[in-house]
Amino acid sequence: MAVVNPAVRVQAVVEASIETGALDSYTWTDTSTAAVQPLDVLARAAALDVPLLVVRGEGEYPAFRPLQARLCAAAPDARLVDVPGLAHMLVTKQDVVDAEVTAWLA
């Protein structure tokens, strides 16, 4: 499996949205916290039964980077690749990302 700039936890998406100004703020409640638990990829990382490649950009959202590293550390067979000059949105460095993913899946 290969993923590019993955959002590993919804909480990080909310944090990044606040950092970028897309949201002013967000207050987590017990209900909202429970609602996002099924979407927590990190909580299921150890159960992955296929090799995992995580490609991320050096300009990835700061809220995402530690979780992406933790995902690779927790998954049984994972590799983390940082792509210089790549932000979260894949408008640059597509050739580098394509090469990494193609090589991994070959």
N, C-alpha and C. Protein backbone atom coordinates (compact mmCIF):
# COMPACT_ATOMS: atom_id res chain seq x y z
N MET A 1 0.85 -1.16 0.00
CA MET A 1 0.00 0.00 0.00
C MET A 1 0.90 1.23 0.00
N ALA A 2 0.48 2.25 -0.71
CA ALA A 2 1.21 3.51 -0.74
C ALA A 2 0.22 4.65 -0.52
N VAL A 3 0.61 5.59 0.32
CA VAL A 3 -0.21 6.77 0.57
C VAL A 3 0.69 7.99 0.46
N VAL A 4 0.08 9.10 0.06
CA VAL A 4 0.82 10.35 -0.10
C VAL A 4 0.19 11.41 0.78
N ASN A 5 1.00 11.99 1.65
CA ASN A 5 0.56 13.04 2.57
C ASN A 5 -0.73 12.66 3.29
N PRO A 6 -0.76 11.49 3.94
CA PRO A 6 -2.02 11.05 4.55
C PRO A 6 -2.41 11.85 5.80
N ALA A 7 -3.69 12.02 5.94
CA ALA A 7 -4.26 12.56 7.18
C ALA A 7 -4.53 11.35 8.07
N VAL A 8 -3.70 11.15 9.06
CA VAL A 8 -3.73 9.94 9.88
C VAL A 8 -4.81 10.00 10.96
N ARG A 9 -5.08 11.18 11.44
CA ARG A 9 -6.13 11.38 12.46
C ARG A 9 -6.92 12.63 12.14
N VAL A 10 -8.22 12.58 12.37
CA VAL A 10 -9.09 13.73 12.10
C VAL A 10 -8.67 14.93 12.95
N GLN A 11 -8.22 14.69 14.16
CA GLN A 11 -7.81 15.79 15.03
C GLN A 11 -6.71 16.63 14.37
N ALA A 12 -5.82 15.98 13.62
CA ALA A 12 -4.75 16.70 12.93
C ALA A 12 -5.31 17.53 11.77
N VAL A 13 -6.35 17.03 11.14
CA VAL A 13 -6.99 17.79 10.06
C VAL A 13 -7.60 19.07 10.63
N VAL A 14 -8.25 18.94 11.77
CA VAL A 14 -8.83 20.12 12.42
C VAL A 14 -7.72 21.09 12.83
N GLU A 15 -6.65 20.57 13.41
CA GLU A 15 -5.52 21.42 13.82
C GLU A 15 -4.93 22.14 12.61
N ALA A 16 -4.72 21.43 11.51
CA ALA A 16 -4.17 22.05 10.31
C ALA A 16 -5.14 23.10 9.76
N SER A 17 -6.42 22.83 9.85
CA SER A 17 -7.43 23.78 9.37
C SER A 17 -7.40 25.07 10.19
N ILE A 18 -7.15 24.94 11.47
CA ILE A 18 -7.02 26.14 12.32
C ILE A 18 -5.73 26.87 11.99
N GLU A 19 -4.63 26.13 11.83
CA GLU A 19 -3.34 26.75 11.51
C GLU A 19 -3.37 27.51 10.19
N THR A 20 -4.12 27.01 9.22
CA THR A 20 -4.17 27.67 7.91
C THR A 20 -5.26 28.73 7.82
N GLY A 21 -6.08 28.85 8.86
CA GLY A 21 -7.13 29.86 8.86
C GLY A 21 -8.44 29.40 8.26
N ALA A 22 -8.54 28.12 7.89
CA ALA A 22 -9.79 27.61 7.34
C ALA A 22 -10.87 27.50 8.42
N LEU A 23 -10.44 27.30 9.66
CA LEU A 23 -11.33 27.29 10.84
C LEU A 23 -10.78 28.28 11.85
N ASP A 24 -11.67 28.95 12.54
CA ASP A 24 -11.21 29.84 13.61
C ASP A 24 -10.78 29.04 14.82
N SER A 25 -11.59 28.06 15.17
CA SER A 25 -11.30 27.21 16.33
C SER A 25 -12.24 26.00 16.28
N TYR A 26 -11.97 25.07 17.15
CA TYR A 26 -12.86 23.91 17.27
C TYR A 26 -12.75 23.38 18.69
N THR A 27 -13.87 23.09 19.28
CA THR A 27 -13.90 22.52 20.62
C THR A 27 -14.36 21.08 20.53
N TRP A 28 -13.48 20.17 20.91
CA TRP A 28 -13.82 18.75 20.88
C TRP A 28 -14.73 18.41 22.05
N THR A 29 -15.76 17.66 21.76
CA THR A 29 -16.67 17.17 22.79
C THR A 29 -16.49 15.65 22.88
N ASP A 30 -17.08 15.06 23.87
CA ASP A 30 -17.03 13.60 23.97
C ASP A 30 -17.66 12.96 22.74
N THR A 31 -18.75 13.55 22.25
CA THR A 31 -19.44 13.02 21.08
C THR A 31 -18.58 13.12 19.82
N SER A 32 -17.96 14.27 19.60
CA SER A 32 -17.14 14.43 18.39
C SER A 32 -15.88 13.56 18.47
N THR A 33 -15.31 13.44 19.65
CA THR A 33 -14.15 12.57 19.83
C THR A 33 -14.51 11.12 19.54
N ALA A 34 -15.65 10.69 20.02
CA ALA A 34 -16.09 9.31 19.75
C ALA A 34 -16.40 9.11 18.27
N ALA A 35 -16.94 10.13 17.63
CA ALA A 35 -17.31 10.00 16.22
C ALA A 35 -16.10 9.80 15.31
N VAL A 36 -14.95 10.35 15.67
CA VAL A 36 -13.78 10.22 14.81
C VAL A 36 -12.91 9.01 15.14
N GLN A 37 -13.19 8.32 16.21
CA GLN A 37 -12.38 7.16 16.58
C GLN A 37 -12.29 6.11 15.48
N PRO A 38 -13.38 5.79 14.77
CA PRO A 38 -13.27 4.78 13.70
C PRO A 38 -12.37 5.21 12.55
N LEU A 39 -12.07 6.49 12.44
CA LEU A 39 -11.23 7.00 11.36
C LEU A 39 -9.76 7.12 11.76
N ASP A 40 -9.40 6.68 12.94
CA ASP A 40 -8.04 6.80 13.45
C ASP A 40 -7.15 5.72 12.83
N VAL A 41 -6.42 6.07 11.81
CA VAL A 41 -5.55 5.12 11.11
C VAL A 41 -4.42 4.66 12.01
N LEU A 42 -3.88 5.54 12.81
CA LEU A 42 -2.77 5.19 13.69
C LEU A 42 -3.16 4.09 14.67
N ALA A 43 -4.38 4.11 15.14
CA ALA A 43 -4.84 3.09 16.09
C ALA A 43 -4.87 1.70 15.47
N ARG A 44 -4.90 1.64 14.15
CA ARG A 44 -4.97 0.34 13.45
C ARG A 44 -3.68 -0.03 12.73
N ALA A 45 -2.64 0.75 12.91
CA ALA A 45 -1.40 0.56 12.17
C ALA A 45 -0.78 -0.82 12.38
N ALA A 46 -0.78 -1.30 13.59
CA ALA A 46 -0.16 -2.59 13.88
C ALA A 46 -0.87 -3.75 13.19
N ALA A 47 -2.11 -3.54 12.79
CA ALA A 47 -2.88 -4.60 12.15
C ALA A 47 -2.66 -4.67 10.63
N LEU A 48 -1.91 -3.73 10.09
CA LEU A 48 -1.67 -3.76 8.65
C LEU A 48 -0.96 -5.06 8.28
N ASP A 49 -1.42 -5.71 7.23
CA ASP A 49 -0.80 -6.96 6.82
C ASP A 49 -0.17 -6.86 5.43
N VAL A 50 0.05 -5.62 4.99
CA VAL A 50 0.76 -5.37 3.74
C VAL A 50 1.81 -4.30 4.00
N PRO A 51 2.89 -4.30 3.24
CA PRO A 51 3.89 -3.24 3.40
C PRO A 51 3.27 -1.86 3.11
N LEU A 52 3.75 -0.86 3.83
CA LEU A 52 3.19 0.49 3.72
C LEU A 52 4.28 1.48 3.35
N LEU A 53 4.02 2.27 2.32
CA LEU A 53 4.87 3.39 1.95
C LEU A 53 4.11 4.68 2.25
N VAL A 54 4.74 5.56 3.01
CA VAL A 54 4.17 6.88 3.26
C VAL A 54 5.11 7.89 2.60
N VAL A 55 4.59 8.59 1.60
CA VAL A 55 5.34 9.65 0.94
C VAL A 55 4.75 10.96 1.44
N ARG A 56 5.62 11.83 1.94
CA ARG A 56 5.12 13.13 2.41
C ARG A 56 6.08 14.22 1.96
N GLY A 57 5.56 15.41 1.87
CA GLY A 57 6.36 16.54 1.46
C GLY A 57 7.00 17.23 2.65
N GLU A 58 8.15 17.84 2.39
CA GLU A 58 8.80 18.59 3.45
C GLU A 58 7.93 19.78 3.87
N GLY A 59 7.01 20.20 3.00
CA GLY A 59 6.10 21.29 3.31
C GLY A 59 4.75 20.81 3.78
N GLU A 60 4.68 19.54 4.20
CA GLU A 60 3.43 18.98 4.73
C GLU A 60 2.98 19.77 5.95
N TYR A 61 1.68 19.76 6.21
CA TYR A 61 1.16 20.45 7.39
C TYR A 61 1.91 19.97 8.64
N PRO A 62 2.36 20.89 9.47
CA PRO A 62 3.07 20.49 10.69
C PRO A 62 2.27 19.56 11.59
N ALA A 63 0.96 19.71 11.60
CA ALA A 63 0.11 18.84 12.44
C ALA A 63 0.12 17.40 11.95
N PHE A 64 0.41 17.18 10.67
CA PHE A 64 0.37 15.83 10.10
C PHE A 64 1.69 15.08 10.27
N ARG A 65 2.81 15.79 10.23
CA ARG A 65 4.13 15.15 10.16
C ARG A 65 4.42 14.17 11.30
N PRO A 66 4.20 14.54 12.56
CA PRO A 66 4.50 13.58 13.63
C PRO A 66 3.64 12.32 13.57
N LEU A 67 2.39 12.49 13.17
CA LEU A 67 1.50 11.33 13.08
C LEU A 67 1.89 10.42 11.93
N GLN A 68 2.35 10.99 10.84
CA GLN A 68 2.82 10.17 9.72
C GLN A 68 4.05 9.36 10.14
N ALA A 69 4.94 9.98 10.88
CA ALA A 69 6.13 9.26 11.38
C ALA A 69 5.71 8.17 12.36
N ARG A 70 4.77 8.47 13.23
CA ARG A 70 4.29 7.46 14.18
C ARG A 70 3.60 6.30 13.47
N LEU A 71 2.88 6.60 12.39
CA LEU A 71 2.23 5.55 11.61
C LEU A 71 3.29 4.59 11.06
N CYS A 72 4.36 5.13 10.51
CA CYS A 72 5.41 4.27 9.96
C CYS A 72 6.12 3.48 11.05
N ALA A 73 6.28 4.08 12.20
CA ALA A 73 6.92 3.37 13.32
C ALA A 73 6.03 2.25 13.85
N ALA A 74 4.73 2.43 13.78
CA ALA A 74 3.80 1.45 14.33
C ALA A 74 3.44 0.33 13.36
N ALA A 75 3.51 0.61 12.07
CA ALA A 75 3.16 -0.39 11.07
C ALA A 75 4.29 -1.42 10.97
N PRO A 76 3.94 -2.69 10.77
CA PRO A 76 4.94 -3.75 10.78
C PRO A 76 6.01 -3.63 9.68
N ASP A 77 5.67 -3.18 8.50
CA ASP A 77 6.61 -3.11 7.39
C ASP A 77 6.36 -1.81 6.64
N ALA A 78 6.97 -0.72 7.13
CA ALA A 78 6.67 0.59 6.57
C ALA A 78 7.94 1.36 6.24
N ARG A 79 7.79 2.25 5.29
CA ARG A 79 8.88 3.14 4.89
C ARG A 79 8.31 4.54 4.74
N LEU A 80 9.05 5.52 5.24
CA LEU A 80 8.65 6.93 5.16
C LEU A 80 9.63 7.65 4.23
N VAL A 81 9.09 8.34 3.23
CA VAL A 81 9.90 9.10 2.29
C VAL A 81 9.49 10.56 2.36
N ASP A 82 10.47 11.44 2.59
CA ASP A 82 10.23 12.88 2.56
C ASP A 82 10.65 13.42 1.21
N VAL A 83 9.78 14.17 0.55
CA VAL A 83 10.06 14.73 -0.76
C VAL A 83 10.33 16.23 -0.60
N PRO A 84 11.55 16.65 -0.89
CA PRO A 84 11.86 18.08 -0.81
C PRO A 84 11.00 18.88 -1.78
N GLY A 85 10.54 20.04 -1.33
CA GLY A 85 9.78 20.93 -2.19
C GLY A 85 8.32 20.58 -2.37
N LEU A 86 7.86 19.52 -1.73
CA LEU A 86 6.46 19.11 -1.86
C LEU A 86 5.66 19.60 -0.67
N ALA A 87 4.55 20.25 -0.96
CA ALA A 87 3.62 20.66 0.09
C ALA A 87 2.53 19.60 0.21
N HIS A 88 1.50 19.88 0.99
CA HIS A 88 0.44 18.89 1.16
C HIS A 88 -0.29 18.64 -0.16
N MET A 89 -0.57 19.68 -0.88
CA MET A 89 -1.27 19.53 -2.16
C MET A 89 -0.26 19.11 -3.22
N LEU A 90 -0.63 18.16 -4.04
CA LEU A 90 0.30 17.54 -4.99
C LEU A 90 0.37 18.30 -6.32
N VAL A 91 0.68 19.58 -6.28
CA VAL A 91 0.78 20.33 -7.52
C VAL A 91 2.23 20.43 -8.00
N THR A 92 3.15 20.04 -7.16
CA THR A 92 4.56 20.05 -7.54
C THR A 92 5.15 18.68 -7.23
N LYS A 93 6.25 18.39 -7.84
CA LYS A 93 7.01 17.17 -7.56
C LYS A 93 6.25 15.89 -7.86
N GLN A 94 5.28 15.95 -8.78
CA GLN A 94 4.52 14.75 -9.12
C GLN A 94 5.41 13.66 -9.67
N ASP A 95 6.46 14.04 -10.41
CA ASP A 95 7.36 13.04 -10.97
C ASP A 95 8.10 12.27 -9.88
N VAL A 96 8.51 12.97 -8.83
CA VAL A 96 9.21 12.31 -7.72
C VAL A 96 8.26 11.39 -6.97
N VAL A 97 7.06 11.88 -6.70
CA VAL A 97 6.06 11.06 -6.00
C VAL A 97 5.71 9.84 -6.83
N ASP A 98 5.47 10.04 -8.12
CA ASP A 98 5.14 8.91 -9.00
C ASP A 98 6.26 7.87 -9.00
N ALA A 99 7.50 8.31 -9.05
CA ALA A 99 8.64 7.38 -9.07
C ALA A 99 8.71 6.58 -7.78
N GLU A 100 8.51 7.23 -6.63
CA GLU A 100 8.56 6.54 -5.34
C GLU A 100 7.44 5.49 -5.23
N VAL A 101 6.24 5.88 -5.60
CA VAL A 101 5.10 4.97 -5.50
C VAL A 101 5.24 3.83 -6.49
N THR A 102 5.64 4.12 -7.70
CA THR A 102 5.82 3.08 -8.72
C THR A 102 6.87 2.07 -8.29
N ALA A 103 7.98 2.54 -7.77
CA ALA A 103 9.04 1.64 -7.31
C ALA A 103 8.56 0.77 -6.15
N TRP A 104 7.78 1.35 -5.25
CA TRP A 104 7.28 0.60 -4.09
C TRP A 104 6.31 -0.48 -4.51
N LEU A 105 5.46 -0.18 -5.46
CA LEU A 105 4.43 -1.12 -5.87
C LEU A 105 4.93 -2.16 -6.89
N ALA A 106 6.12 -1.94 -7.41
CA ALA A 106 6.66 -2.86 -8.42
C ALA A 106 7.00 -4.23 -7.83
